[in-house]
Amino acid sequence: FLTLIDIKDGDITGKIMDMDYNDEYINYRID
């Protein structure tokens, strides 16, 4: 996995990319 983080204007956004499938990994976002 590769973590992509963007910080701009005081805000932070991020996502995790599954490099095996070249797609965003979202299962971790479940509470």
PDB file of all heavy atoms in Angstrom:
ATOM      1  N   PHE A   1       0.821  -1.198   0.000  1.00  0.00           N
ATOM      2  CA  PHE A   1       0.000   0.000   0.000  1.00  0.00           C
ATOM      3  C   PHE A   1       0.861   1.258   0.000  1.00  0.00           C
ATOM      4  O   PHE A   1       1.981   1.268   0.529  1.00  0.00           O
ATOM      5  CB  PHE A   1      -0.925   0.040   1.221  1.00  0.00           C
ATOM      6  CG  PHE A   1      -1.958  -1.063   1.242  1.00  0.00           C
ATOM      7  CD1 PHE A   1      -2.141  -1.847   2.368  1.00  0.00           C
ATOM      8  CD2 PHE A   1      -2.746  -1.299   0.136  1.00  0.00           C
ATOM      9  CE1 PHE A   1      -3.091  -2.849   2.389  1.00  0.00           C
ATOM     10  CE2 PHE A   1      -3.713  -2.298   0.138  1.00  0.00           C
ATOM     11  CZ  PHE A   1      -3.886  -3.077   1.271  1.00  0.00           C
ATOM     12  N   LEU A   2       0.297   2.305  -0.584  1.00  0.00           N
ATOM     13  CA  LEU A   2       0.950   3.604  -0.605  1.00  0.00           C
ATOM     14  C   LEU A   2      -0.045   4.631  -0.063  1.00  0.00           C
ATOM     15  O   LEU A   2      -1.182   4.724  -0.527  1.00  0.00           O
ATOM     16  CB  LEU A   2       1.360   3.979  -2.033  1.00  0.00           C
ATOM     17  CG  LEU A   2       2.213   5.238  -2.210  1.00  0.00           C
ATOM     18  CD1 LEU A   2       3.601   5.027  -1.607  1.00  0.00           C
ATOM     19  CD2 LEU A   2       2.329   5.579  -3.698  1.00  0.00           C
ATOM     20  N   THR A   3       0.378   5.399   0.959  1.00  0.00           N
ATOM     21  CA  THR A   3      -0.466   6.457   1.511  1.00  0.00           C
ATOM     22  C   THR A   3      -0.207   7.755   0.769  1.00  0.00           C
ATOM     23  O   THR A   3       0.943   8.174   0.637  1.00  0.00           O
ATOM     24  CB  THR A   3      -0.174   6.660   3.007  1.00  0.00           C
ATOM     25  OG1 THR A   3      -0.488   5.466   3.710  1.00  0.00           O
ATOM     26  CG2 THR A   3      -1.017   7.785   3.569  1.00  0.00           C
ATOM     27  N   LEU A   4      -1.262   8.393   0.291  1.00  0.00           N
ATOM     28  CA  LEU A   4      -1.160   9.685  -0.389  1.00  0.00           C
ATOM     29  C   LEU A   4      -1.818  10.738   0.485  1.00  0.00           C
ATOM     30  O   LEU A   4      -3.005  10.638   0.813  1.00  0.00           O
ATOM     31  CB  LEU A   4      -1.859   9.637  -1.751  1.00  0.00           C
ATOM     32  CG  LEU A   4      -1.416   8.520  -2.704  1.00  0.00           C
ATOM     33  CD1 LEU A   4      -2.204   8.604  -4.006  1.00  0.00           C
ATOM     34  CD2 LEU A   4       0.082   8.597  -2.981  1.00  0.00           C
ATOM     35  N   ILE A   5      -1.044  11.748   0.881  1.00  0.00           N
ATOM     36  CA  ILE A   5      -1.534  12.800   1.775  1.00  0.00           C
ATOM     37  C   ILE A   5      -1.364  14.148   1.094  1.00  0.00           C
ATOM     38  O   ILE A   5      -0.299  14.452   0.545  1.00  0.00           O
ATOM     39  CB  ILE A   5      -0.759  12.809   3.109  1.00  0.00           C
ATOM     40  CG1 ILE A   5      -0.948  11.488   3.859  1.00  0.00           C
ATOM     41  CG2 ILE A   5      -1.189  13.988   3.974  1.00  0.00           C
ATOM     42  CD1 ILE A   5      -2.316  11.285   4.451  1.00  0.00           C
ATOM     43  N   ASP A   6      -2.409  14.970   1.138  1.00  0.00           N
ATOM     44  CA  ASP A   6      -2.347  16.340   0.631  1.00  0.00           C
ATOM     45  C   ASP A   6      -2.714  17.303   1.754  1.00  0.00           C
ATOM     46  O   ASP A   6      -3.737  17.118   2.431  1.00  0.00           O
ATOM     47  CB  ASP A   6      -3.301  16.537  -0.554  1.00  0.00           C
ATOM     48  CG  ASP A   6      -2.777  15.866  -1.820  1.00  0.00           C
ATOM     49  OD1 ASP A   6      -1.760  16.338  -2.343  1.00  0.00           O
ATOM     50  OD2 ASP A   6      -3.382  14.867  -2.251  1.00  0.00           O
ATOM     51  N   ILE A   7      -1.865  18.321   1.953  1.00  0.00           N
ATOM     52  CA  ILE A   7      -2.117  19.367   2.935  1.00  0.00           C
ATOM     53  C   ILE A   7      -2.186  20.685   2.185  1.00  0.00           C
ATOM     54  O   ILE A   7      -1.239  21.072   1.504  1.00  0.00           O
ATOM     55  CB  ILE A   7      -1.007  19.418   4.000  1.00  0.00           C
ATOM     56  CG1 ILE A   7      -0.922  18.085   4.759  1.00  0.00           C
ATOM     57  CG2 ILE A   7      -1.247  20.571   4.976  1.00  0.00           C
ATOM     58  CD1 ILE A   7       0.232  17.993   5.718  1.00  0.00           C
ATOM     59  N   LYS A   8      -3.318  21.369   2.303  1.00  0.00           N
ATOM     60  CA  LYS A   8      -3.497  22.635   1.584  1.00  0.00           C
ATOM     61  C   LYS A   8      -4.465  23.525   2.354  1.00  0.00           C
ATOM     62  O   LYS A   8      -5.522  23.056   2.790  1.00  0.00           O
ATOM     63  CB  LYS A   8      -4.031  22.386   0.167  1.00  0.00           C
ATOM     64  CG  LYS A   8      -4.110  23.653  -0.681  1.00  0.00           C
ATOM     65  CD  LYS A   8      -4.559  23.333  -2.109  1.00  0.00           C
ATOM     66  CE  LYS A   8      -4.606  24.594  -2.955  1.00  0.00           C
ATOM     67  NZ  LYS A   8      -5.044  24.327  -4.347  1.00  0.00           N
ATOM     68  N   ASP A   9      -4.085  24.773   2.524  1.00  0.00           N
ATOM     69  CA  ASP A   9      -4.935  25.773   3.183  1.00  0.00           C
ATOM     70  C   ASP A   9      -5.406  25.319   4.559  1.00  0.00           C
ATOM     71  O   ASP A   9      -6.539  25.585   4.974  1.00  0.00           O
ATOM     72  CB  ASP A   9      -6.158  26.111   2.308  1.00  0.00           C
ATOM     73  CG  ASP A   9      -5.754  26.703   0.962  1.00  0.00           C
ATOM     74  OD1 ASP A   9      -4.701  27.375   0.923  1.00  0.00           O
ATOM     75  OD2 ASP A   9      -6.471  26.480  -0.029  1.00  0.00           O
ATOM     76  N   GLY A  10      -4.523  24.628   5.281  1.00  0.00           N
ATOM     77  CA  GLY A  10      -4.854  24.195   6.631  1.00  0.00           C
ATOM     78  C   GLY A  10      -5.634  22.906   6.713  1.00  0.00           C
ATOM     79  O   GLY A  10      -5.876  22.397   7.813  1.00  0.00           O
ATOM     80  N   ASP A  11      -6.073  22.352   5.578  1.00  0.00           N
ATOM     81  CA  ASP A  11      -6.843  21.110   5.560  1.00  0.00           C
ATOM     82  C   ASP A  11      -5.948  19.951   5.133  1.00  0.00           C
ATOM     83  O   ASP A  11      -4.966  20.120   4.425  1.00  0.00           O
ATOM     84  CB  ASP A  11      -8.026  21.216   4.597  1.00  0.00           C
ATOM     85  CG  ASP A  11      -9.069  22.204   5.091  1.00  0.00           C
ATOM     86  OD1 ASP A  11      -9.137  22.403   6.322  1.00  0.00           O
ATOM     87  OD2 ASP A  11      -9.807  22.766   4.257  1.00  0.00           O
ATOM     88  N   ILE A  12      -6.329  18.759   5.556  1.00  0.00           N
ATOM     89  CA  ILE A  12      -5.595  17.548   5.180  1.00  0.00           C
ATOM     90  C   ILE A  12      -6.565  16.537   4.588  1.00  0.00           C
ATOM     91  O   ILE A  12      -7.668  16.325   5.103  1.00  0.00           O
ATOM     92  CB  ILE A  12      -4.860  16.944   6.397  1.00  0.00           C
ATOM     93  CG1 ILE A  12      -4.117  15.655   6.009  1.00  0.00           C
ATOM     94  CG2 ILE A  12      -5.794  16.688   7.553  1.00  0.00           C
ATOM     95  CD1 ILE A  12      -3.204  15.128   7.076  1.00  0.00           C
ATOM     96  N   THR A  13      -6.185  15.953   3.474  1.00  0.00           N
ATOM     97  CA  THR A  13      -6.945  14.859   2.866  1.00  0.00           C
ATOM     98  C   THR A  13      -5.969  13.741   2.551  1.00  0.00           C
ATOM     99  O   THR A  13      -4.781  13.975   2.326  1.00  0.00           O
ATOM    100  CB  THR A  13      -7.656  15.295   1.573  1.00  0.00           C
ATOM    101  OG1 THR A  13      -6.683  15.801   0.644  1.00  0.00           O
ATOM    102  CG2 THR A  13      -8.692  16.370   1.856  1.00  0.00           C
ATOM    103  N   GLY A  14      -6.472  12.532   2.546  1.00  0.00           N
ATOM    104  CA  GLY A  14      -5.586  11.410   2.279  1.00  0.00           C
ATOM    105  C   GLY A  14      -6.331  10.184   1.804  1.00  0.00           C
ATOM    106  O   GLY A  14      -7.546  10.060   1.989  1.00  0.00           O
ATOM    107  N   LYS A  15      -5.598   9.288   1.182  1.00  0.00           N
ATOM    108  CA  LYS A  15      -6.166   8.004   0.779  1.00  0.00           C
ATOM    109  C   LYS A  15      -5.065   6.964   0.711  1.00  0.00           C
ATOM    110  O   LYS A  15      -3.859   7.299   0.682  1.00  0.00           O
ATOM    111  CB  LYS A  15      -6.875   8.125  -0.569  1.00  0.00           C
ATOM    112  CG  LYS A  15      -5.983   8.523  -1.735  1.00  0.00           C
ATOM    113  CD  LYS A  15      -6.814   8.658  -3.016  1.00  0.00           C
ATOM    114  CE  LYS A  15      -5.953   9.095  -4.202  1.00  0.00           C
ATOM    115  NZ  LYS A  15      -6.764   9.243  -5.435  1.00  0.00           N
ATOM    116  N   ILE A  16      -5.467   5.720   0.704  1.00  0.00           N
ATOM    117  CA  ILE A  16      -4.535   4.595   0.621  1.00  0.00           C
ATOM    118  C   ILE A  16      -4.727   3.911  -0.721  1.00  0.00           C
ATOM    119  O   ILE A  16      -5.844   3.526  -1.074  1.00  0.00           O
ATOM    120  CB  ILE A  16      -4.765   3.596   1.770  1.00  0.00           C
ATOM    121  CG1 ILE A  16      -4.525   4.287   3.119  1.00  0.00           C
ATOM    122  CG2 ILE A  16      -3.861   2.390   1.627  1.00  0.00           C
ATOM    123  CD1 ILE A  16      -4.842   3.421   4.315  1.00  0.00           C
ATOM    124  N   MET A  17      -3.635   3.760  -1.448  1.00  0.00           N
ATOM    125  CA  MET A  17      -3.686   3.093  -2.740  1.00  0.00           C
ATOM    126  C   MET A  17      -3.165   1.662  -2.615  1.00  0.00           C
ATOM    127  O   MET A  17      -2.098   1.425  -2.042  1.00  0.00           O
ATOM    128  CB  MET A  17      -2.837   3.858  -3.758  1.00  0.00           C
ATOM    129  CG  MET A  17      -3.361   5.241  -4.104  1.00  0.00           C
ATOM    130  SD  MET A  17      -4.971   5.192  -4.925  1.00  0.00           S
ATOM    131  CE  MET A  17      -4.549   4.337  -6.457  1.00  0.00           C
ATOM    132  N   ASP A  18      -3.944   0.703  -3.134  1.00  0.00           N
ATOM    133  CA  ASP A  18      -3.507  -0.689  -3.227  1.00  0.00           C
ATOM    134  C   ASP A  18      -2.700  -0.815  -4.507  1.00  0.00           C
ATOM    135  O   ASP A  18      -3.253  -0.786  -5.617  1.00  0.00           O
ATOM    136  CB  ASP A  18      -4.722  -1.613  -3.238  1.00  0.00           C
ATOM    137  CG  ASP A  18      -4.339  -3.085  -3.164  1.00  0.00           C
ATOM    138  OD1 ASP A  18      -3.222  -3.432  -3.606  1.00  0.00           O
ATOM    139  OD2 ASP A  18      -5.157  -3.878  -2.669  1.00  0.00           O
ATOM    140  N   MET A  19      -1.382  -0.965  -4.377  1.00  0.00           N
ATOM    141  CA  MET A  19      -0.510  -0.949  -5.540  1.00  0.00           C
ATOM    142  C   MET A  19      -0.636  -2.215  -6.378  1.00  0.00           C
ATOM    143  O   MET A  19      -0.279  -2.230  -7.557  1.00  0.00           O
ATOM    144  CB  MET A  19       0.946  -0.751  -5.095  1.00  0.00           C
ATOM    145  CG  MET A  19       1.171   0.531  -4.274  1.00  0.00           C
ATOM    146  SD  MET A  19       0.486   1.993  -5.080  1.00  0.00           S
ATOM    147  CE  MET A  19       1.565   2.116  -6.495  1.00  0.00           C
ATOM    148  N   ASP A  20      -1.161  -3.302  -5.793  1.00  0.00           N
ATOM    149  CA  ASP A  20      -1.364  -4.533  -6.567  1.00  0.00           C
ATOM    150  C   ASP A  20      -2.487  -4.354  -7.587  1.00  0.00           C
ATOM    151  O   ASP A  20      -2.461  -4.958  -8.673  1.00  0.00           O
ATOM    152  CB  ASP A  20      -1.709  -5.696  -5.625  1.00  0.00           C
ATOM    153  CG  ASP A  20      -0.503  -6.154  -4.818  1.00  0.00           C
ATOM    154  OD1 ASP A  20       0.635  -5.985  -5.309  1.00  0.00           O
ATOM    155  OD2 ASP A  20      -0.703  -6.650  -3.692  1.00  0.00           O
ATOM    156  N   TYR A  21      -3.471  -3.514  -7.237  1.00  0.00           N
ATOM    157  CA  TYR A  21      -4.619  -3.313  -8.119  1.00  0.00           C
ATOM    158  C   TYR A  21      -4.687  -1.894  -8.670  1.00  0.00           C
ATOM    159  O   TYR A  21      -5.604  -1.573  -9.439  1.00  0.00           O
ATOM    160  CB  TYR A  21      -5.917  -3.623  -7.359  1.00  0.00           C
ATOM    161  CG  TYR A  21      -6.015  -5.068  -6.920  1.00  0.00           C
ATOM    162  CD1 TYR A  21      -5.639  -5.442  -5.639  1.00  0.00           C
ATOM    163  CD2 TYR A  21      -6.470  -6.059  -7.796  1.00  0.00           C
ATOM    164  CE1 TYR A  21      -5.720  -6.772  -5.225  1.00  0.00           C
ATOM    165  CE2 TYR A  21      -6.554  -7.375  -7.388  1.00  0.00           C
ATOM    166  CZ  TYR A  21      -6.177  -7.732  -6.112  1.00  0.00           C
ATOM    167  OH  TYR A  21      -6.260  -9.041  -5.715  1.00  0.00           O
ATOM    168  N   ASN A  22      -3.742  -1.050  -8.256  1.00  0.00           N
ATOM    169  CA  ASN A  22      -3.716   0.348  -8.702  1.00  0.00           C
ATOM    170  C   ASN A  22      -5.074   1.014  -8.478  1.00  0.00           C
ATOM    171  O   ASN A  22      -5.614   1.703  -9.338  1.00  0.00           O
ATOM    172  CB  ASN A  22      -3.309   0.449 -10.182  1.00  0.00           C
ATOM    173  CG  ASN A  22      -2.927   1.869 -10.563  1.00  0.00           C
ATOM    174  OD1 ASN A  22      -2.459   2.624  -9.715  1.00  0.00           O
ATOM    175  ND2 ASN A  22      -3.140   2.228 -11.812  1.00  0.00           N
ATOM    176  N   ASP A  23      -5.609   0.803  -7.278  1.00  0.00           N
ATOM    177  CA  ASP A  23      -6.926   1.340  -6.942  1.00  0.00           C
ATOM    178  C   ASP A  23      -6.946   1.724  -5.465  1.00  0.00           C
ATOM    179  O   ASP A  23      -6.129   1.230  -4.670  1.00  0.00           O
ATOM    180  CB  ASP A  23      -8.003   0.286  -7.216  1.00  0.00           C
ATOM    181  CG  ASP A  23      -9.407   0.894  -7.290  1.00  0.00           C
ATOM    182  OD1 ASP A  23      -9.507   2.140  -7.266  1.00  0.00           O
ATOM    183  OD2 ASP A  23     -10.375   0.121  -7.358  1.00  0.00           O
ATOM    184  N   GLU A  24      -7.878   2.604  -5.092  1.00  0.00           N
ATOM    185  CA  GLU A  24      -7.939   3.042  -3.702  1.00  0.00           C
ATOM    186  C   GLU A  24      -8.462   1.915  -2.814  1.00  0.00           C
ATOM    187  O   GLU A  24      -9.416   1.202  -3.154  1.00  0.00           O
ATOM    188  CB  GLU A  24      -8.855   4.260  -3.558  1.00  0.00           C
ATOM    189  CG  GLU A  24      -8.900   4.798  -2.136  1.00  0.00           C
ATOM    190  CD  GLU A  24      -9.759   6.038  -1.988  1.00  0.00           C
ATOM    191  OE1 GLU A  24     -10.351   6.474  -3.003  1.00  0.00           O
ATOM    192  OE2 GLU A  24      -9.847   6.559  -0.856  1.00  0.00           O
ATOM    193  N   TYR A  25      -7.806   1.755  -1.651  1.00  0.00           N
ATOM    194  CA  TYR A  25      -8.221   0.773  -0.646  1.00  0.00           C
ATOM    195  C   TYR A  25      -9.095   1.495   0.380  1.00  0.00           C
ATOM    196  O   TYR A  25      -8.670   2.480   0.989  1.00  0.00           O
ATOM    197  CB  TYR A  25      -6.991   0.162   0.026  1.00  0.00           C
ATOM    198  CG  TYR A  25      -7.300  -0.884   1.068  1.00  0.00           C
ATOM    199  CD1 TYR A  25      -7.595  -2.185   0.687  1.00  0.00           C
ATOM    200  CD2 TYR A  25      -7.281  -0.574   2.429  1.00  0.00           C
ATOM    201  CE1 TYR A  25      -7.877  -3.156   1.642  1.00  0.00           C
ATOM    202  CE2 TYR A  25      -7.569  -1.533   3.378  1.00  0.00           C
ATOM    203  CZ  TYR A  25      -7.865  -2.829   2.977  1.00  0.00           C
ATOM    204  OH  TYR A  25      -8.141  -3.793   3.919  1.00  0.00           O
ATOM    205  N   ILE A  26     -10.345   1.041   0.584  1.00  0.00           N
ATOM    206  CA  ILE A  26     -11.282   1.780   1.437  1.00  0.00           C
ATOM    207  C   ILE A  26     -11.788   0.972   2.629  1.00  0.00           C
ATOM    208  O   ILE A  26     -12.504   1.509   3.473  1.00  0.00           O
ATOM    209  CB  ILE A  26     -12.503   2.267   0.622  1.00  0.00           C
ATOM    210  CG1 ILE A  26     -13.248   1.067   0.008  1.00  0.00           C
ATOM    211  CG2 ILE A  26     -12.057   3.249  -0.456  1.00  0.00           C
ATOM    212  CD1 ILE A  26     -14.552   1.470  -0.666  1.00  0.00           C
ATOM    213  N   ASN A  27     -11.411  -0.308   2.738  1.00  0.00           N
ATOM    214  CA  ASN A  27     -11.965  -1.136   3.814  1.00  0.00           C
ATOM    215  C   ASN A  27     -11.623  -0.612   5.206  1.00  0.00           C
ATOM    216  O   ASN A  27     -12.359  -0.840   6.168  1.00  0.00           O
ATOM    217  CB  ASN A  27     -11.463  -2.571   3.690  1.00  0.00           C
ATOM    218  CG  ASN A  27     -12.053  -3.287   2.475  1.00  0.00           C
ATOM    219  OD1 ASN A  27     -12.934  -2.742   1.817  1.00  0.00           O
ATOM    220  ND2 ASN A  27     -11.570  -4.474   2.182  1.00  0.00           N
ATOM    221  N   TYR A  28     -10.499   0.106   5.329  1.00  0.00           N
ATOM    222  CA  TYR A  28     -10.080   0.607   6.638  1.00  0.00           C
ATOM    223  C   TYR A  28     -10.989   1.717   7.151  1.00  0.00           C
ATOM    224  O   TYR A  28     -10.946   2.080   8.343  1.00  0.00           O
ATOM    225  CB  TYR A  28      -8.644   1.134   6.575  1.00  0.00           C
ATOM    226  CG  TYR A  28      -8.521   2.478   5.902  1.00  0.00           C
ATOM    227  CD1 TYR A  28      -8.396   3.638   6.663  1.00  0.00           C
ATOM    228  CD2 TYR A  28      -8.557   2.611   4.512  1.00  0.00           C
ATOM    229  CE1 TYR A  28      -8.297   4.883   6.064  1.00  0.00           C
ATOM    230  CE2 TYR A  28      -8.462   3.841   3.912  1.00  0.00           C
ATOM    231  CZ  TYR A  28      -8.329   4.973   4.688  1.00  0.00           C
ATOM    232  OH  TYR A  28      -8.233   6.194   4.078  1.00  0.00           O
ATOM    233  N   ARG A  29     -11.821   2.291   6.302  1.00  0.00           N
ATOM    234  CA  ARG A  29     -12.641   3.432   6.699  1.00  0.00           C
ATOM    235  C   ARG A  29     -13.887   3.031   7.496  1.00  0.00           C
ATOM    236  O   ARG A  29     -14.591   3.895   8.014  1.00  0.00           O
ATOM    237  CB  ARG A  29     -13.065   4.228   5.468  1.00  0.00           C
ATOM    238  CG  ARG A  29     -11.913   4.980   4.817  1.00  0.00           C
ATOM    239  CD  ARG A  29     -12.382   5.825   3.660  1.00  0.00           C
ATOM    240  NE  ARG A  29     -11.313   6.662   3.134  1.00  0.00           N
ATOM    241  CZ  ARG A  29     -10.994   7.866   3.587  1.00  0.00           C
ATOM    242  NH1 ARG A  29     -11.671   8.377   4.602  1.00  0.00           N
ATOM    243  NH2 ARG A  29     -10.013   8.562   3.057  1.00  0.00           N
ATOM    244  N   ILE A  30     -14.150   1.738   7.611  1.00  0.00           N
ATOM    245  CA  ILE A  30     -15.270   1.282   8.439  1.00  0.00           C
ATOM    246  C   ILE A  30     -14.961   1.605   9.902  1.00  0.00           C
ATOM    247  O   ILE A  30     -13.834   1.418  10.370  1.00  0.00           O
ATOM    248  CB  ILE A  30     -15.491  -0.239   8.252  1.00  0.00           C
ATOM    249  CG1 ILE A  30     -15.784  -0.544   6.770  1.00  0.00           C
ATOM    250  CG2 ILE A  30     -16.619  -0.732   9.150  1.00  0.00           C
ATOM    251  CD1 ILE A  30     -15.814  -2.018   6.464  1.00  0.00           C
ATOM    252  N   ASP A  31     -15.944   2.095  10.646  1.00  0.00           N
ATOM    253  CA  ASP A  31     -15.717   2.541  12.025  1.00  0.00           C
ATOM    254  C   ASP A  31     -15.170   1.434  12.917  1.00  0.00           C
ATOM    255  O   ASP A  31     -14.221   1.647  13.659  1.00  0.00           O
ATOM    256  CB  ASP A  31     -17.013   3.092  12.617  1.00  0.00           C
ATOM    257  CG  ASP A  31     -17.387   4.445  12.012  1.00  0.00           C
ATOM    258  OD1 ASP A  31     -16.465   5.130  11.546  1.00  0.00           O
ATOM    259  OD2 ASP A  31     -18.578   4.788  12.004  1.00  0.00           O
TER     260      ASP A  31
END
